[in-house]
Every structure is written in C-alpha cells, then in structure tokens.
Amino acid sequence: MSEIAQTPNPPYYAVIFTNIRTDIEEGYGEMAERMVEMAKQQPGFLGVESARDGLGITVSYWTDLDAIKLWKDNVEHVEAQRLGHKKWYATFTTRIAKVERDYSL
C-alpha cells in the first residue's frame, strides 16, 4: 500500500496498529492482503494506509465505533489476530482515535 487514503470530512475514526514483526514470514503476506480485501467489504470502512521500515504502522479509517467492533469480531479477522499473536508479531499496540480535523496538500 503506497497511497494516502481518501477519507470523508471528519468526524470519523482511525484504528492505528503499530507493530514489530518476528522473523516468521510463512503466510503473512497472503493474510495481510486478504485482511485488506475483506476490510474493504466491511460496512463503515473508509480506507487504509500502511508502512513498514522495521516498525510497522497500519492505519485503517472507519465511520464509527460500531463498524470497528464488527471488523474486530469478524471470524476471519479473529483468526488472523490469533496467528499474529502466535507467530507474526513480536509486539504490537492498537489505538483507536476519533479524527476531528484533517487537511491535505
């Protein structure tokens, strides 16, 4: 992902997933791609941005907290989370923030 998400006028929500990976690659790329494609189909999804240079940061944007909760509880997403905890992430933090203002160039 190398594009800036095109979000609507605020307010909306951001889920910020910051992580450090393990050395295990098996299945990670495929699962990450699958999760992005699935998230795009979820009600309330607005966009996603991701970058990795040692530290990985993925920010997904959502209309409201209910949409975030539905995504968190999605069965395939729960399995991806389980695998992430078990083998792909050495550590991570998830933050949820309300976007009150944005501006662009």
PDB file of N, CA and C in Angstrom:
ATOM      1  N   MET A   1       0.829  -1.175   0.000  1.00  0.00           N
ATOM      2  CA  MET A   1       0.000   0.000   0.000  1.00  0.00           C
ATOM      3  C   MET A   1       0.875   1.241   0.000  1.00  0.00           C
ATOM      4  N   SER A   2       0.693   2.069  -0.970  1.00  0.00           N
ATOM      5  CA  SER A   2       1.520   3.265  -1.014  1.00  0.00           C
ATOM      6  C   SER A   2       0.699   4.510  -1.315  1.00  0.00           C
ATOM      7  N   GLU A   3      -0.600   4.432  -1.119  1.00  0.00           N
ATOM      8  CA  GLU A   3      -1.453   5.580  -1.378  1.00  0.00           C
ATOM      9  C   GLU A   3      -1.994   6.144  -0.070  1.00  0.00           C
ATOM     10  N   ILE A   4      -2.278   7.426  -0.077  1.00  0.00           N
ATOM     11  CA  ILE A   4      -2.935   8.058   1.059  1.00  0.00           C
ATOM     12  C   ILE A   4      -4.430   7.813   0.919  1.00  0.00           C
ATOM     13  N   ALA A   5      -5.054   7.339   1.983  1.00  0.00           N
ATOM     14  CA  ALA A   5      -6.482   7.049   1.958  1.00  0.00           C
ATOM     15  C   ALA A   5      -7.282   8.332   1.728  1.00  0.00           C
ATOM     16  N   GLN A   6      -8.296   8.218   0.918  1.00  0.00           N
ATOM     17  CA  GLN A   6      -9.198   9.337   0.649  1.00  0.00           C
ATOM     18  C   GLN A   6     -10.383   9.226   1.611  1.00  0.00           C
ATOM     19  N   THR A   7     -10.347   9.989   2.681  1.00  0.00           N
ATOM     20  CA  THR A   7     -11.374   9.918   3.710  1.00  0.00           C
ATOM     21  C   THR A   7     -12.371  11.059   3.551  1.00  0.00           C
ATOM     22  N   PRO A   8     -13.571  10.893   4.097  1.00  0.00           N
ATOM     23  CA  PRO A   8     -14.564  11.970   4.031  1.00  0.00           C
ATOM     24  C   PRO A   8     -14.230  13.063   5.043  1.00  0.00           C
ATOM     25  N   ASN A   9     -15.036  14.098   5.053  1.00  0.00           N
ATOM     26  CA  ASN A   9     -14.882  15.130   6.072  1.00  0.00           C
ATOM     27  C   ASN A   9     -15.098  14.526   7.452  1.00  0.00           C
ATOM     28  N   PRO A  10     -14.301  14.933   8.442  1.00  0.00           N
ATOM     29  CA  PRO A  10     -14.475  14.427   9.803  1.00  0.00           C
ATOM     30  C   PRO A  10     -15.840  14.843  10.368  1.00  0.00           C
ATOM     31  N   PRO A  11     -16.277  14.144  11.407  1.00  0.00           N
ATOM     32  CA  PRO A  11     -15.522  13.174  12.198  1.00  0.00           C
ATOM     33  C   PRO A  11     -15.620  11.767  11.621  1.00  0.00           C
ATOM     34  N   TYR A  12     -14.582  10.984  11.873  1.00  0.00           N
ATOM     35  CA  TYR A  12     -14.534   9.549  11.600  1.00  0.00           C
ATOM     36  C   TYR A  12     -13.485   8.983  12.549  1.00  0.00           C
ATOM     37  N   TYR A  13     -13.229   7.697  12.473  1.00  0.00           N
ATOM     38  CA  TYR A  13     -12.319   7.052  13.417  1.00  0.00           C
ATOM     39  C   TYR A  13     -11.126   6.428  12.706  1.00  0.00           C
ATOM     40  N   ALA A  14     -10.014   6.372  13.426  1.00  0.00           N
ATOM     41  CA  ALA A  14      -8.796   5.731  12.939  1.00  0.00           C
ATOM     42  C   ALA A  14      -8.408   4.621  13.908  1.00  0.00           C
ATOM     43  N   VAL A  15      -8.099   3.451  13.373  1.00  0.00           N
ATOM     44  CA  VAL A  15      -7.524   2.359  14.154  1.00  0.00           C
ATOM     45  C   VAL A  15      -6.049   2.299  13.753  1.00  0.00           C
ATOM     46  N   ILE A  16      -5.185   2.538  14.710  1.00  0.00           N
ATOM     47  CA  ILE A  16      -3.750   2.617  14.467  1.00  0.00           C
ATOM     48  C   ILE A  16      -3.102   1.359  15.048  1.00  0.00           C
ATOM     49  N   PHE A  17      -2.586   0.518  14.168  1.00  0.00           N
ATOM     50  CA  PHE A  17      -1.968  -0.746  14.565  1.00  0.00           C
ATOM     51  C   PHE A  17      -0.468  -0.620  14.337  1.00  0.00           C
ATOM     52  N   THR A  18       0.282  -0.528  15.433  1.00  0.00           N
ATOM     53  CA  THR A  18       1.732  -0.373  15.391  1.00  0.00           C
ATOM     54  C   THR A  18       2.353  -1.686  15.843  1.00  0.00           C
ATOM     55  N   ASN A  19       3.355  -2.168  15.103  1.00  0.00           N
ATOM     56  CA  ASN A  19       3.863  -3.492  15.428  1.00  0.00           C
ATOM     57  C   ASN A  19       5.329  -3.668  15.061  1.00  0.00           C
ATOM     58  N   ILE A  20       5.907  -4.679  15.673  1.00  0.00           N
ATOM     59  CA  ILE A  20       7.234  -5.175  15.308  1.00  0.00           C
ATOM     60  C   ILE A  20       7.060  -6.654  15.005  1.00  0.00           C
ATOM     61  N   ARG A  21       7.503  -7.048  13.821  1.00  0.00           N
ATOM     62  CA  ARG A  21       7.335  -8.423  13.342  1.00  0.00           C
ATOM     63  C   ARG A  21       8.372  -9.354  13.938  1.00  0.00           C
ATOM     64  N   THR A  22       8.034 -10.640  13.921  1.00  0.00           N
ATOM     65  CA  THR A  22       9.013 -11.698  14.164  1.00  0.00           C
ATOM     66  C   THR A  22       9.708 -11.977  12.835  1.00  0.00           C
ATOM     67  N   ASP A  23      10.564 -12.975  12.800  1.00  0.00           N
ATOM     68  CA  ASP A  23      11.231 -13.366  11.557  1.00  0.00           C
ATOM     69  C   ASP A  23      10.389 -14.329  10.721  1.00  0.00           C
ATOM     70  N   ILE A  24       9.235 -14.726  11.226  1.00  0.00           N
ATOM     71  CA  ILE A  24       8.396 -15.705  10.532  1.00  0.00           C
ATOM     72  C   ILE A  24       7.609 -15.018   9.418  1.00  0.00           C
ATOM     73  N   GLU A  25       7.823 -15.465   8.199  1.00  0.00           N
ATOM     74  CA  GLU A  25       7.138 -14.904   7.033  1.00  0.00           C
ATOM     75  C   GLU A  25       5.976 -15.780   6.549  1.00  0.00           C
ATOM     76  N   GLU A  26       6.027 -17.067   6.860  1.00  0.00           N
ATOM     77  CA  GLU A  26       5.082 -18.057   6.348  1.00  0.00           C
ATOM     78  C   GLU A  26       3.618 -17.602   6.482  1.00  0.00           C
ATOM     79  N   GLY A  27       2.994 -17.325   5.338  1.00  0.00           N
ATOM     80  CA  GLY A  27       1.582 -16.984   5.297  1.00  0.00           C
ATOM     81  C   GLY A  27       1.253 -15.537   5.601  1.00  0.00           C
ATOM     82  N   TYR A  28       2.229 -14.753   6.047  1.00  0.00           N
ATOM     83  CA  TYR A  28       1.934 -13.381   6.476  1.00  0.00           C
ATOM     84  C   TYR A  28       1.437 -12.500   5.328  1.00  0.00           C
ATOM     85  N   GLY A  29       2.168 -12.472   4.227  1.00  0.00           N
ATOM     86  CA  GLY A  29       1.796 -11.599   3.109  1.00  0.00           C
ATOM     87  C   GLY A  29       0.416 -11.902   2.571  1.00  0.00           C
ATOM     88  N   GLU A  30       0.121 -13.174   2.423  1.00  0.00           N
ATOM     89  CA  GLU A  30      -1.194 -13.573   1.918  1.00  0.00           C
ATOM     90  C   GLU A  30      -2.300 -13.151   2.880  1.00  0.00           C
ATOM     91  N   MET A  31      -2.056 -13.361   4.180  1.00  0.00           N
ATOM     92  CA  MET A  31      -3.066 -12.996   5.171  1.00  0.00           C
ATOM     93  C   MET A  31      -3.255 -11.482   5.210  1.00  0.00           C
ATOM     94  N   ALA A  32      -2.182 -10.727   5.140  1.00  0.00           N
ATOM     95  CA  ALA A  32      -2.286  -9.266   5.159  1.00  0.00           C
ATOM     96  C   ALA A  32      -3.105  -8.775   3.963  1.00  0.00           C
ATOM     97  N   GLU A  33      -2.834  -9.310   2.789  1.00  0.00           N
ATOM     98  CA  GLU A  33      -3.608  -8.933   1.600  1.00  0.00           C
ATOM     99  C   GLU A  33      -5.077  -9.307   1.746  1.00  0.00           C
ATOM    100  N   ARG A  34      -5.329 -10.500   2.278  1.00  0.00           N
ATOM    101  CA  ARG A  34      -6.711 -10.955   2.481  1.00  0.00           C
ATOM    102  C   ARG A  34      -7.445 -10.030   3.445  1.00  0.00           C
ATOM    103  N   MET A  35      -6.785  -9.612   4.519  1.00  0.00           N
ATOM    104  CA  MET A  35      -7.433  -8.748   5.508  1.00  0.00           C
ATOM    105  C   MET A  35      -7.795  -7.390   4.897  1.00  0.00           C
ATOM    106  N   VAL A  36      -6.919  -6.842   4.069  1.00  0.00           N
ATOM    107  CA  VAL A  36      -7.231  -5.560   3.426  1.00  0.00           C
ATOM    108  C   VAL A  36      -8.428  -5.718   2.498  1.00  0.00           C
ATOM    109  N   GLU A  37      -8.435  -6.786   1.716  1.00  0.00           N
ATOM    110  CA  GLU A  37      -9.562  -7.006   0.798  1.00  0.00           C
ATOM    111  C   GLU A  37     -10.865  -7.219   1.559  1.00  0.00           C
ATOM    112  N   MET A  38     -10.801  -7.944   2.666  1.00  0.00           N
ATOM    113  CA  MET A  38     -12.005  -8.157   3.479  1.00  0.00           C
ATOM    114  C   MET A  38     -12.467  -6.864   4.138  1.00  0.00           C
ATOM    115  N   ALA A  39     -11.515  -6.095   4.668  1.00  0.00           N
ATOM    116  CA  ALA A  39     -11.879  -4.837   5.336  1.00  0.00           C
ATOM    117  C   ALA A  39     -12.603  -3.915   4.368  1.00  0.00           C
ATOM    118  N   LYS A  40     -12.159  -3.895   3.123  1.00  0.00           N
ATOM    119  CA  LYS A  40     -12.801  -3.042   2.112  1.00  0.00           C
ATOM    120  C   LYS A  40     -14.274  -3.401   1.913  1.00  0.00           C
ATOM    121  N   GLN A  41     -14.654  -4.634   2.232  1.00  0.00           N
ATOM    122  CA  GLN A  41     -16.038  -5.080   2.070  1.00  0.00           C
ATOM    123  C   GLN A  41     -16.891  -4.835   3.318  1.00  0.00           C
ATOM    124  N   GLN A  42     -16.252  -4.417   4.404  1.00  0.00           N
ATOM    125  CA  GLN A  42     -16.968  -4.236   5.662  1.00  0.00           C
ATOM    126  C   GLN A  42     -17.747  -2.923   5.676  1.00  0.00           C
ATOM    127  N   PRO A  43     -18.965  -2.950   6.210  1.00  0.00           N
ATOM    128  CA  PRO A  43     -19.709  -1.692   6.372  1.00  0.00           C
ATOM    129  C   PRO A  43     -18.914  -0.718   7.239  1.00  0.00           C
ATOM    130  N   GLY A  44     -18.854   0.517   6.818  1.00  0.00           N
ATOM    131  CA  GLY A  44     -18.179   1.546   7.593  1.00  0.00           C
ATOM    132  C   GLY A  44     -16.709   1.726   7.302  1.00  0.00           C
ATOM    133  N   PHE A  45     -16.117   0.882   6.460  1.00  0.00           N
ATOM    134  CA  PHE A  45     -14.701   1.019   6.117  1.00  0.00           C
ATOM    135  C   PHE A  45     -14.514   2.217   5.192  1.00  0.00           C
ATOM    136  N   LEU A  46     -13.501   3.046   5.482  1.00  0.00           N
ATOM    137  CA  LEU A  46     -13.242   4.247   4.687  1.00  0.00           C
ATOM    138  C   LEU A  46     -11.920   4.204   3.933  1.00  0.00           C
ATOM    139  N   GLY A  47     -10.937   3.454   4.442  1.00  0.00           N
ATOM    140  CA  GLY A  47      -9.638   3.404   3.781  1.00  0.00           C
ATOM    141  C   GLY A  47      -8.578   2.866   4.705  1.00  0.00           C
ATOM    142  N   VAL A  48      -7.372   2.673   4.136  1.00  0.00           N
ATOM    143  CA  VAL A  48      -6.260   2.131   4.913  1.00  0.00           C
ATOM    144  C   VAL A  48      -4.947   2.673   4.364  1.00  0.00           C
ATOM    145  N   GLU A  49      -3.992   2.855   5.270  1.00  0.00           N
ATOM    146  CA  GLU A  49      -2.623   3.250   4.922  1.00  0.00           C
ATOM    147  C   GLU A  49      -1.678   2.368   5.728  1.00  0.00           C
ATOM    148  N   SER A  50      -0.552   1.996   5.132  1.00  0.00           N
ATOM    149  CA  SER A  50       0.378   1.118   5.837  1.00  0.00           C
ATOM    150  C   SER A  50       1.810   1.400   5.402  1.00  0.00           C
ATOM    151  N   ALA A  51       2.717   1.296   6.363  1.00  0.00           N
ATOM    152  CA  ALA A  51       4.143   1.481   6.077  1.00  0.00           C
ATOM    153  C   ALA A  51       4.941   0.582   7.008  1.00  0.00           C
ATOM    154  N   ARG A  52       6.101   0.131   6.513  1.00  0.00           N
ATOM    155  CA  ARG A  52       6.972  -0.701   7.341  1.00  0.00           C
ATOM    156  C   ARG A  52       8.419  -0.382   7.013  1.00  0.00           C
ATOM    157  N   ASP A  53       9.162  -0.090   8.063  1.00  0.00           N
ATOM    158  CA  ASP A  53      10.611   0.058   7.970  1.00  0.00           C
ATOM    159  C   ASP A  53      11.156  -0.375   9.327  1.00  0.00           C
ATOM    160  N   GLY A  54      11.078  -1.660   9.594  1.00  0.00           N
ATOM    161  CA  GLY A  54      11.363  -2.175  10.932  1.00  0.00           C
ATOM    162  C   GLY A  54      10.100  -2.103  11.770  1.00  0.00           C
ATOM    163  N   LEU A  55       9.671  -0.902  12.062  1.00  0.00           N
ATOM    164  CA  LEU A  55       8.408  -0.663  12.761  1.00  0.00           C
ATOM    165  C   LEU A  55       7.302  -0.617  11.722  1.00  0.00           C
ATOM    166  N   GLY A  56       6.244  -1.378  11.929  1.00  0.00           N
ATOM    167  CA  GLY A  56       5.109  -1.357  11.014  1.00  0.00           C
ATOM    168  C   GLY A  56       3.970  -0.547  11.593  1.00  0.00           C
ATOM    169  N   ILE A  57       3.344   0.254  10.751  1.00  0.00           N
ATOM    170  CA  ILE A  57       2.182   1.045  11.172  1.00  0.00           C
ATOM    171  C   ILE A  57       1.119   0.908  10.094  1.00  0.00           C
ATOM    172  N   THR A  58      -0.054   0.453  10.503  1.00  0.00           N
ATOM    173  CA  THR A  58      -1.204   0.399   9.614  1.00  0.00           C
ATOM    174  C   THR A  58      -2.316   1.200  10.259  1.00  0.00           C
ATOM    175  N   VAL A  59      -2.876   2.126   9.501  1.00  0.00           N
ATOM    176  CA  VAL A  59      -3.990   2.936   9.985  1.00  0.00           C
ATOM    177  C   VAL A  59      -5.181   2.636   9.091  1.00  0.00           C
ATOM    178  N   SER A  60      -6.255   2.159   9.703  1.00  0.00           N
ATOM    179  CA  SER A  60      -7.497   1.971   8.953  1.00  0.00           C
ATOM    180  C   SER A  60      -8.501   2.998   9.450  1.00  0.00           C
ATOM    181  N   TYR A  61      -9.366   3.439   8.553  1.00  0.00           N
ATOM    182  CA  TYR A  61     -10.322   4.508   8.849  1.00  0.00           C
ATOM    183  C   TYR A  61     -11.734   3.957   8.751  1.00  0.00           C
ATOM    184  N   TRP A  62     -12.580   4.372   9.699  1.00  0.00           N
ATOM    185  CA  TRP A  62     -13.926   3.818   9.850  1.00  0.00           C
ATOM    186  C   TRP A  62     -14.919   4.929  10.180  1.00  0.00           C
ATOM    187  N   THR A  63     -16.168   4.697   9.807  1.00  0.00           N
ATOM    188  CA  THR A  63     -17.213   5.693  10.054  1.00  0.00           C
ATOM    189  C   THR A  63     -17.534   5.851  11.528  1.00  0.00           C
ATOM    190  N   ASP A  64     -17.496   4.735  12.274  1.00  0.00           N
ATOM    191  CA  ASP A  64     -17.930   4.802  13.676  1.00  0.00           C
ATOM    192  C   ASP A  64     -17.374   3.620  14.467  1.00  0.00           C
ATOM    193  N   LEU A  65     -17.592   3.663  15.772  1.00  0.00           N
ATOM    194  CA  LEU A  65     -17.074   2.616  16.654  1.00  0.00           C
ATOM    195  C   LEU A  65     -17.758   1.272  16.419  1.00  0.00           C
ATOM    196  N   ASP A  66     -19.035   1.285  16.028  1.00  0.00           N
ATOM    197  CA  ASP A  66     -19.732   0.027  15.749  1.00  0.00           C
ATOM    198  C   ASP A  66     -19.092  -0.697  14.569  1.00  0.00           C
ATOM    199  N   ALA A  67     -18.708   0.036  13.532  1.00  0.00           N
ATOM    200  CA  ALA A  67     -18.047  -0.573  12.377  1.00  0.00           C
ATOM    201  C   ALA A  67     -16.708  -1.189  12.785  1.00  0.00           C
ATOM    202  N   ILE A  68     -15.969  -0.514  13.648  1.00  0.00           N
ATOM    203  CA  ILE A  68     -14.692  -1.042  14.136  1.00  0.00           C
ATOM    204  C   ILE A  68     -14.918  -2.335  14.909  1.00  0.00           C
ATOM    205  N   LYS A  69     -15.927  -2.353  15.755  1.00  0.00           N
ATOM    206  CA  LYS A  69     -16.240  -3.546  16.551  1.00  0.00           C
ATOM    207  C   LYS A  69     -16.620  -4.718  15.653  1.00  0.00           C
ATOM    208  N   LEU A  70     -17.433  -4.464  14.629  1.00  0.00           N
ATOM    209  CA  LEU A  70     -17.809  -5.530  13.701  1.00  0.00           C
ATOM    210  C   LEU A  70     -16.577  -6.109  13.003  1.00  0.00           C
ATOM    211  N   TRP A  71     -15.644  -5.250  12.612  1.00  0.00           N
ATOM    212  CA  TRP A  71     -14.420  -5.711  11.968  1.00  0.00           C
ATOM    213  C   TRP A  71     -13.566  -6.513  12.949  1.00  0.00           C
ATOM    214  N   LYS A  72     -13.417  -6.019  14.167  1.00  0.00           N
ATOM    215  CA  LYS A  72     -12.615  -6.716  15.171  1.00  0.00           C
ATOM    216  C   LYS A  72     -13.150  -8.124  15.415  1.00  0.00           C
ATOM    217  N   ASP A  73     -14.476  -8.278  15.363  1.00  0.00           N
ATOM    218  CA  ASP A  73     -15.109  -9.564  15.657  1.00  0.00           C
ATOM    219  C   ASP A  73     -15.332 -10.441  14.427  1.00  0.00           C
ATOM    220  N   ASN A  74     -14.956  -9.981  13.234  1.00  0.00           N
ATOM    221  CA  ASN A  74     -15.097 -10.775  12.017  1.00  0.00           C
ATOM    222  C   ASN A  74     -14.326 -12.090  12.182  1.00  0.00           C
ATOM    223  N   VAL A  75     -14.954 -13.207  11.844  1.00  0.00           N
ATOM    224  CA  VAL A  75     -14.380 -14.530  12.102  1.00  0.00           C
ATOM    225  C   VAL A  75     -12.998 -14.703  11.471  1.00  0.00           C
ATOM    226  N   GLU A  76     -12.836 -14.328  10.216  1.00  0.00           N
ATOM    227  CA  GLU A  76     -11.521 -14.468   9.573  1.00  0.00           C
ATOM    228  C   GLU A  76     -10.499 -13.511  10.174  1.00  0.00           C
ATOM    229  N   HIS A  77     -10.953 -12.322  10.563  1.00  0.00           N
ATOM    230  CA  HIS A  77     -10.055 -11.361  11.196  1.00  0.00           C
ATOM    231  C   HIS A  77      -9.607 -11.874  12.568  1.00  0.00           C
ATOM    232  N   VAL A  78     -10.516 -12.528  13.296  1.00  0.00           N
ATOM    233  CA  VAL A  78     -10.154 -13.120  14.591  1.00  0.00           C
ATOM    234  C   VAL A  78      -9.061 -14.167  14.397  1.00  0.00           C
ATOM    235  N   GLU A  79      -9.171 -14.982  13.346  1.00  0.00           N
ATOM    236  CA  GLU A  79      -8.139 -15.990  13.059  1.00  0.00           C
ATOM    237  C   GLU A  79      -6.814 -15.310  12.700  1.00  0.00           C
ATOM    238  N   ALA A  80      -6.858 -14.251  11.919  1.00  0.00           N
ATOM    239  CA  ALA A  80      -5.632 -13.515  11.586  1.00  0.00           C
ATOM    240  C   ALA A  80      -4.994 -12.945  12.852  1.00  0.00           C
ATOM    241  N   GLN A  81      -5.817 -12.434  13.753  1.00  0.00           N
ATOM    242  CA  GLN A  81      -5.302 -11.919  15.026  1.00  0.00           C
ATOM    243  C   GLN A  81      -4.627 -13.033  15.825  1.00  0.00           C
ATOM    244  N   ARG A  82      -5.257 -14.195  15.870  1.00  0.00           N
ATOM    245  CA  ARG A  82      -4.705 -15.331  16.609  1.00  0.00           C
ATOM    246  C   ARG A  82      -3.330 -15.714  16.048  1.00  0.00           C
ATOM    247  N   LEU A  83      -3.236 -15.807  14.724  1.00  0.00           N
ATOM    248  CA  LEU A  83      -1.955 -16.145  14.096  1.00  0.00           C
ATOM    249  C   LEU A  83      -0.922 -15.052  14.318  1.00  0.00           C
ATOM    250  N   GLY A  84      -1.365 -13.801  14.280  1.00  0.00           N
ATOM    251  CA  GLY A  84      -0.453 -12.691  14.556  1.00  0.00           C
ATOM    252  C   GLY A  84       0.138 -12.788  15.948  1.00  0.00           C
ATOM    253  N   HIS A  85      -0.712 -13.073  16.930  1.00  0.00           N
ATOM    254  CA  HIS A  85      -0.239 -13.213  18.318  1.00  0.00           C
ATOM    255  C   HIS A  85       0.725 -14.392  18.439  1.00  0.00           C
ATOM    256  N   LYS A  86       0.405 -15.466  17.730  1.00  0.00           N
ATOM    257  CA  LYS A  86       1.165 -16.709  17.862  1.00  0.00           C
ATOM    258  C   LYS A  86       2.510 -16.674  17.135  1.00  0.00           C
ATOM    259  N   LYS A  87       2.544 -16.066  15.906  1.00  0.00           N
ATOM    260  CA  LYS A  87       3.786 -16.201  15.153  1.00  0.00           C
ATOM    261  C   LYS A  87       4.292 -14.964  14.419  1.00  0.00           C
ATOM    262  N   TRP A  88       3.472 -13.992  14.071  1.00  0.00           N
ATOM    263  CA  TRP A  88       3.935 -12.921  13.193  1.00  0.00           C
ATOM    264  C   TRP A  88       4.392 -11.656  13.902  1.00  0.00           C
ATOM    265  N   TYR A  89       3.904 -11.417  15.110  1.00  0.00           N
ATOM    266  CA  TYR A  89       4.240 -10.168  15.804  1.00  0.00           C
ATOM    267  C   TYR A  89       4.993 -10.432  17.097  1.00  0.00           C
ATOM    268  N   ALA A  90       6.133  -9.775  17.246  1.00  0.00           N
ATOM    269  CA  ALA A  90       6.874  -9.824  18.498  1.00  0.00           C
ATOM    270  C   ALA A  90       6.177  -8.952  19.534  1.00  0.00           C
ATOM    271  N   THR A  91       5.635  -7.841  19.078  1.00  0.00           N
ATOM    272  CA  THR A  91       4.887  -6.926  19.939  1.00  0.00           C
ATOM    273  C   THR A  91       4.002  -6.048  19.060  1.00  0.00           C
ATOM    274  N   PHE A  92       2.925  -5.534  19.636  1.00  0.00           N
ATOM    275  CA  PHE A  92       2.061  -4.607  18.901  1.00  0.00           C
ATOM    276  C   PHE A  92       1.232  -3.791  19.874  1.00  0.00           C
ATOM    277  N   THR A  93       0.721  -2.691  19.375  1.00  0.00           N
ATOM    278  CA  THR A  93      -0.231  -1.855  20.101  1.00  0.00           C
ATOM    279  C   THR A  93      -1.299  -1.412  19.119  1.00  0.00           C
ATOM    280  N   THR A  94      -2.541  -1.462  19.556  1.00  0.00           N
ATOM    281  CA  THR A  94      -3.652  -0.959  18.761  1.00  0.00           C
ATOM    282  C   THR A  94      -4.255   0.230  19.492  1.00  0.00           C
ATOM    283  N   ARG A  95      -4.445   1.309  18.754  1.00  0.00           N
ATOM    284  CA  ARG A  95      -5.052   2.518  19.306  1.00  0.00           C
ATOM    285  C   ARG A  95      -6.245   2.905  18.431  1.00  0.00           C
ATOM    286  N   ILE A  96      -7.285   3.406  19.065  1.00  0.00           N
ATOM    287  CA  ILE A  96      -8.457   3.886  18.330  1.00  0.00           C
ATOM    288  C   ILE A  96      -8.628   5.356  18.669  1.00  0.00           C
ATOM    289  N   ALA A  97      -8.720   6.178  17.625  1.00  0.00           N
ATOM    290  CA  ALA A  97      -8.804   7.629  17.820  1.00  0.00           C
ATOM    291  C   ALA A  97      -9.915   8.212  16.959  1.00  0.00           C
ATOM    292  N   LYS A  98     -10.570   9.216  17.473  1.00  0.00           N
ATOM    293  CA  LYS A  98     -11.559   9.954  16.696  1.00  0.00           C
ATOM    294  C   LYS A  98     -10.843  11.077  15.960  1.00  0.00           C
ATOM    295  N   VAL A  99     -11.027  11.130  14.651  1.00  0.00           N
ATOM    296  CA  VAL A  99     -10.437  12.188  13.834  1.00  0.00           C
ATOM    297  C   VAL A  99     -11.412  13.359  13.829  1.00  0.00           C
ATOM    298  N   GLU A 100     -10.983  14.456  14.378  1.00  0.00           N
ATOM    299  CA  GLU A 100     -11.819  15.646  14.494  1.00  0.00           C
ATOM    300  C   GLU A 100     -11.559  16.643  13.372  1.00  0.00           C
ATOM    301  N   ARG A 101     -10.328  16.565  12.813  1.00  0.00           N
ATOM    302  CA  ARG A 101      -9.939  17.530  11.796  1.00  0.00           C
ATOM    303  C   ARG A 101      -8.898  16.880  10.895  1.00  0.00           C
ATOM    304  N   ASP A 102      -8.915  17.179   9.618  1.00  0.00           N
ATOM    305  CA  ASP A 102      -7.853  16.771   8.714  1.00  0.00           C
ATOM    306  C   ASP A 102      -7.687  17.826   7.641  1.00  0.00           C
ATOM    307  N   TYR A 103      -6.528  17.850   7.040  1.00  0.00           N
ATOM    308  CA  TYR A 103      -6.257  18.755   5.928  1.00  0.00           C
ATOM    309  C   TYR A 103      -5.160  18.148   5.071  1.00  0.00           C
ATOM    310  N   SER A 104      -5.098  18.529   3.808  1.00  0.00           N
ATOM    311  CA  SER A 104      -4.192  17.905   2.856  1.00  0.00           C
ATOM    312  C   SER A 104      -3.572  18.920   1.932  1.00  0.00           C
ATOM    313  N   LEU A 105      -2.511  18.512   1.279  1.00  0.00           N
ATOM    314  CA  LEU A 105      -1.876  19.290   0.228  1.00  0.00           C
ATOM    315  C   LEU A 105      -2.164  18.599  -1.081  1.00  0.00           C
TER     316      LEU A 105
END
